[in-house]
Amino acid sequence: MIKKHIPNSITLTNLLCGALSIYFLYVSENILLPSIFILLGAIFDFFDGLTARLLKVTSAIGKELDSLADVVTFGLAPSLITVEVLKDSLLSSGNSLFISNILCLIPLFMALMSAYRLANFNVDERQSVNFIGLPTPANALLWLSLPVLNYLSDKKIHLWGIYQQEVYSSLVEILLNPWFIIVFSIIMGVMLIAPINMFSFKFKNFTWQDNKVKFIFLVICILLIFLFNCFAIPFIVLMYIIISLISNFTKNGI
């Protein structure tokens, strides 16, 4: 039956996007290309599961294949992008090449934690509706945004939003600070395997009672995009974590 292979083919396309992201990271001078391929991978990652559910051809091998693809596209690729961004930032800050080459490897911790998180996801039956730990695509989205934001700031490209170029430049300066990247990459690596419930965007229905957390998050995302345009990406990921934590506290009666 041909239709049972369709979701897996989409998953393999996601994996191809991850491989191309890594390839262009080292053969192209344009660091935006690797980020674009990760974004494409995220689109295919969304549609492989949706297609499998629509065609009713979910399988164990599909779940395993999906995690293998995600390790590359949302674990290894964004970690390597962060390594390159951090190395440039360390060198620009006056650090020696030797020190920069050592410290820039710290973001690979996220790749290791991504692999552990995805392996655990495949054997943890509690994650059929929501996630436990930060999903790898959310973490990848945060880190692939760094070269994009740096490019927009350097080119002084103003898309939309109420804030001016000076504010954008200040935000980029903070996000690209080498010590911020080092500390935050460790924190996000820990968040990938933290025993914290994170809501997913799997809608069984569209009622307010069952999906209020998702609806609130989507409204906040729209507001952030209106205010900051592409610069909203890091804030959206942080808000996802904050809302998930608040939701956990509320359910536990804290």
Protein backbone atom coordinates (compact mmCIF):
# COMPACT_ATOMS: atom_id res chain seq x y z
CA MET A 1 0.00 0.00 0.00
CA ILE A 2 1.57 3.25 -1.18
CA LYS A 3 -0.14 5.56 1.30
CA LYS A 4 1.62 3.99 4.30
CA HIS A 5 4.94 5.21 2.90
CA ILE A 6 3.81 8.82 2.44
CA PRO A 7 4.34 9.96 6.09
CA ASN A 8 7.76 8.29 6.23
CA SER A 9 8.75 9.97 2.97
CA ILE A 10 7.86 13.34 4.49
CA THR A 11 9.91 12.44 7.58
CA LEU A 12 12.89 11.59 5.39
CA THR A 13 12.52 14.98 3.72
CA ASN A 14 12.75 16.51 7.18
CA LEU A 15 15.98 14.57 7.71
CA LEU A 16 17.28 15.75 4.33
CA CYS A 17 16.63 19.36 5.39
CA GLY A 18 18.68 18.79 8.54
CA ALA A 19 21.54 17.27 6.53
CA LEU A 20 21.45 20.15 4.05
CA SER A 21 21.48 22.64 6.91
CA ILE A 22 24.72 21.15 8.21
CA TYR A 23 26.16 20.93 4.68
CA PHE A 24 25.51 24.59 3.84
CA LEU A 25 26.74 25.69 7.27
CA TYR A 26 30.25 24.70 6.18
CA VAL A 27 30.23 25.24 2.40
CA SER A 28 28.28 28.50 2.17
CA GLU A 29 29.28 31.92 3.44
CA ASN A 30 25.61 32.72 3.94
CA ILE A 31 24.74 31.50 7.44
CA LEU A 32 21.05 32.15 6.77
CA LEU A 33 20.81 29.09 4.51
CA PRO A 34 21.27 26.55 7.35
CA SER A 35 18.53 28.28 9.34
CA ILE A 36 16.17 28.24 6.36
CA PHE A 37 16.62 24.49 5.93
CA ILE A 38 15.81 23.91 9.60
CA LEU A 39 12.61 25.95 9.15
CA LEU A 40 11.73 23.80 6.13
CA GLY A 41 12.42 20.71 8.22
CA ALA A 42 10.02 21.99 10.87
CA ILE A 43 7.28 22.29 8.24
CA PHE A 44 7.84 18.71 7.08
CA ASP A 45 7.97 17.57 10.72
CA PHE A 46 4.52 19.06 11.29
CA PHE A 47 3.01 17.48 8.21
CA ASP A 48 4.42 13.96 8.60
CA GLY A 49 2.48 13.36 11.81
CA LEU A 50 -0.62 15.11 10.47
CA THR A 51 -0.49 13.05 7.28
CA ALA A 52 -0.07 9.81 9.23
CA ARG A 53 -3.14 10.61 11.35
CA LEU A 54 -5.24 11.62 8.34
CA LEU A 55 -4.29 8.50 6.40
CA LYS A 56 -4.52 6.36 9.57
CA VAL A 57 -1.17 4.76 8.88
CA THR A 58 0.71 5.48 12.10
CA SER A 59 3.40 2.91 12.85
CA ALA A 60 6.19 2.14 15.29
CA ILE A 61 8.84 2.58 12.61
CA GLY A 62 7.38 5.98 11.75
CA LYS A 63 7.80 7.10 15.35
CA GLU A 64 11.41 5.90 15.45
CA LEU A 65 12.20 7.46 12.09
CA ASP A 66 10.69 10.76 13.18
CA SER A 67 12.95 10.93 16.23
CA LEU A 68 16.03 10.03 14.18
CA ALA A 69 15.24 12.85 11.76
CA ASP A 70 14.60 15.29 14.62
CA VAL A 71 17.96 14.50 16.22
CA VAL A 72 19.66 15.80 13.08
CA THR A 73 17.33 18.66 12.10
CA PHE A 74 16.45 20.00 15.56
CA GLY A 75 19.34 18.67 17.64
CA LEU A 76 22.64 18.57 15.78
CA ALA A 77 22.04 21.22 13.09
CA PRO A 78 20.97 24.10 15.39
CA SER A 79 23.69 23.19 17.88
CA LEU A 80 26.34 23.44 15.15
CA ILE A 81 24.89 26.77 14.01
CA THR A 82 25.17 28.01 17.60
CA VAL A 83 28.77 26.76 17.75
CA GLU A 84 29.64 28.89 14.73
CA VAL A 85 27.76 31.94 16.02
CA LEU A 86 29.43 31.59 19.43
CA LYS A 87 32.90 31.19 17.92
CA ASP A 88 32.50 34.40 15.89
CA SER A 89 31.18 36.20 18.96
CA LEU A 90 34.07 35.04 21.14
CA LEU A 91 36.65 36.10 18.56
CA SER A 92 34.94 39.46 18.12
CA SER A 93 35.12 39.95 21.90
CA GLY A 94 38.91 39.66 21.83
CA ASN A 95 39.30 36.08 23.04
CA SER A 96 42.17 34.01 21.68
CA LEU A 97 41.58 31.45 18.95
CA PHE A 98 42.52 28.60 21.34
CA ILE A 99 40.01 29.69 24.02
CA SER A 100 37.35 30.40 21.40
CA ASN A 101 37.76 26.93 19.84
CA ILE A 102 37.19 25.32 23.24
CA LEU A 103 34.33 27.43 24.56
CA CYS A 104 32.43 27.37 21.26
CA LEU A 105 31.88 23.61 21.68
CA ILE A 106 29.65 24.07 24.73
CA PRO A 107 26.40 24.34 22.69
CA LEU A 108 26.96 20.74 21.54
CA PHE A 109 25.55 19.88 24.97
CA MET A 110 22.15 20.69 23.43
CA ALA A 111 22.70 18.11 20.68
CA LEU A 112 23.41 15.43 23.30
CA MET A 113 20.36 16.37 25.37
CA SER A 114 18.21 16.46 22.22
CA ALA A 115 19.21 12.87 21.43
CA TYR A 116 18.43 11.77 24.99
CA ARG A 117 15.14 13.64 24.99
CA LEU A 118 13.97 12.06 21.72
CA ALA A 119 15.01 8.56 22.78
CA ASN A 120 13.07 9.03 26.01
CA PHE A 121 10.06 10.33 24.07
CA ASN A 122 9.85 7.07 22.11
CA VAL A 123 9.57 4.94 25.25
CA ASP A 124 7.58 7.33 27.47
CA GLU A 125 3.85 6.64 27.09
CA ARG A 126 2.97 9.77 29.09
CA GLN A 127 3.83 12.02 26.14
CA SER A 128 1.00 11.06 23.81
CA VAL A 129 -0.84 14.38 24.37
CA ASN A 130 1.67 16.81 25.89
CA PHE A 131 5.46 16.81 26.10
CA ILE A 132 7.75 16.29 29.08
CA GLY A 133 10.71 18.57 28.64
CA LEU A 134 11.21 21.25 26.01
CA PRO A 135 10.43 19.94 22.49
CA THR A 136 13.48 19.95 20.22
CA PRO A 137 11.81 22.05 17.46
CA ALA A 138 11.14 24.86 19.99
CA ASN A 139 14.78 24.84 21.10
CA ALA A 140 15.96 24.76 17.48
CA LEU A 141 13.73 27.72 16.61
CA LEU A 142 15.37 29.81 19.31
CA TRP A 143 18.93 29.18 18.17
CA LEU A 144 18.41 29.37 14.42
CA SER A 145 16.93 32.83 14.97
CA LEU A 146 20.32 34.21 16.08
CA PRO A 147 21.98 34.39 12.64
CA VAL A 148 18.71 35.63 11.14
CA LEU A 149 18.40 38.47 13.66
CA ASN A 150 22.09 39.31 13.31
CA TYR A 151 21.68 39.54 9.52
CA LEU A 152 18.62 41.80 9.78
CA SER A 153 20.38 44.04 12.28
CA ASP A 154 23.59 44.30 10.20
CA LYS A 155 21.64 45.11 7.04
CA LYS A 156 19.41 47.50 9.02
CA ILE A 157 16.36 45.77 7.60
CA HIS A 158 13.22 47.02 9.32
CA LEU A 159 10.22 44.83 8.56
CA TRP A 160 7.42 46.08 10.77
CA GLY A 161 6.68 46.73 14.43
CA ILE A 162 6.63 49.75 16.71
CA TYR A 163 10.24 49.55 17.83
CA GLN A 164 13.09 51.26 16.02
CA GLN A 165 16.41 50.00 14.72
CA GLU A 166 18.26 51.08 17.88
CA VAL A 167 16.09 48.77 19.99
CA TYR A 168 16.64 45.87 17.59
CA SER A 169 20.39 46.43 17.67
CA SER A 170 20.37 46.39 21.47
CA LEU A 171 18.42 43.11 21.52
CA VAL A 172 20.84 41.50 19.06
CA GLU A 173 23.80 42.69 21.10
CA ILE A 174 22.39 40.93 24.17
CA LEU A 175 21.47 37.74 22.31
CA LEU A 176 24.89 37.48 20.63
CA ASN A 177 26.87 38.14 23.79
CA PRO A 178 29.16 35.07 24.03
CA TRP A 179 28.59 34.54 27.74
CA PHE A 180 24.83 34.79 27.29
CA ILE A 181 25.01 32.12 24.57
CA ILE A 182 27.17 29.83 26.72
CA VAL A 183 25.00 30.04 29.83
CA PHE A 184 21.71 29.95 27.95
CA SER A 185 22.72 26.95 25.80
CA ILE A 186 23.39 24.99 28.99
CA ILE A 187 20.06 26.07 30.48
CA MET A 188 18.17 25.11 27.33
CA GLY A 189 19.99 21.78 27.18
CA VAL A 190 18.76 21.03 30.70
CA MET A 191 15.24 22.17 29.75
CA LEU A 192 15.17 19.55 26.99
CA ILE A 193 15.26 16.74 29.56
CA ALA A 194 13.62 18.51 32.52
CA PRO A 195 10.61 16.66 34.01
CA ILE A 196 8.27 19.54 33.17
CA ASN A 197 5.04 19.19 31.21
CA MET A 198 5.00 21.30 28.04
CA PHE A 199 1.77 21.74 26.11
CA SER A 200 1.59 20.59 22.50
CA PHE A 201 -0.44 21.88 19.57
CA LYS A 202 -2.34 18.65 19.00
CA PHE A 203 -5.99 19.78 18.87
CA LYS A 204 -8.63 17.13 19.57
CA ASN A 205 -11.26 19.87 19.40
CA PHE A 206 -11.35 23.66 19.39
CA THR A 207 -13.24 24.36 22.61
CA TRP A 208 -11.94 27.05 24.97
CA GLN A 209 -12.04 24.77 28.00
CA ASP A 210 -9.79 22.12 26.46
CA ASN A 211 -7.45 24.48 24.62
CA LYS A 212 -7.33 27.73 26.60
CA VAL A 213 -3.58 27.50 27.20
CA LYS A 214 -2.95 27.06 23.46
CA PHE A 215 -5.28 29.92 22.54
CA ILE A 216 -3.67 32.27 25.08
CA PHE A 217 -0.24 31.39 23.73
CA LEU A 218 -1.32 32.02 20.12
CA VAL A 219 -2.71 35.45 21.04
CA ILE A 220 0.56 36.34 22.78
CA CYS A 221 2.50 35.16 19.72
CA ILE A 222 0.47 37.44 17.45
CA LEU A 223 1.06 40.41 19.75
CA LEU A 224 4.80 39.72 19.97
CA ILE A 225 5.11 39.39 16.19
CA PHE A 226 3.22 42.68 15.76
CA LEU A 227 5.58 44.41 18.19
CA PHE A 228 8.92 42.84 17.24
CA ASN A 229 8.38 41.07 13.84
CA CYS A 230 11.19 38.48 13.39
CA PHE A 231 12.77 39.61 16.65
CA ALA A 232 9.79 38.05 18.43
CA ILE A 233 11.12 34.50 17.91
CA PRO A 234 13.24 34.28 21.10
CA PHE A 235 10.44 35.84 23.13
CA ILE A 236 7.90 33.38 21.72
CA VAL A 237 10.04 30.41 22.78
CA LEU A 238 10.53 31.90 26.24
CA MET A 239 6.79 32.57 26.57
CA TYR A 240 6.11 28.95 25.59
CA ILE A 241 8.27 27.82 28.50
CA ILE A 242 6.76 30.34 30.94
CA ILE A 243 3.14 29.51 30.05
CA SER A 244 3.91 25.78 30.35
CA LEU A 245 5.41 26.35 33.80
CA ILE A 246 2.42 28.44 34.90
CA SER A 247 0.08 25.75 33.60
CA ASN A 248 2.00 23.13 35.59
CA PHE A 249 1.76 25.17 38.80
CA THR A 250 -1.97 25.75 38.27
CA LYS A 251 -2.72 22.06 37.73
CA ASN A 252 -0.72 21.12 40.82
CA GLY A 253 -2.51 23.71 42.89
CA ILE A 254 0.62 25.78 43.55
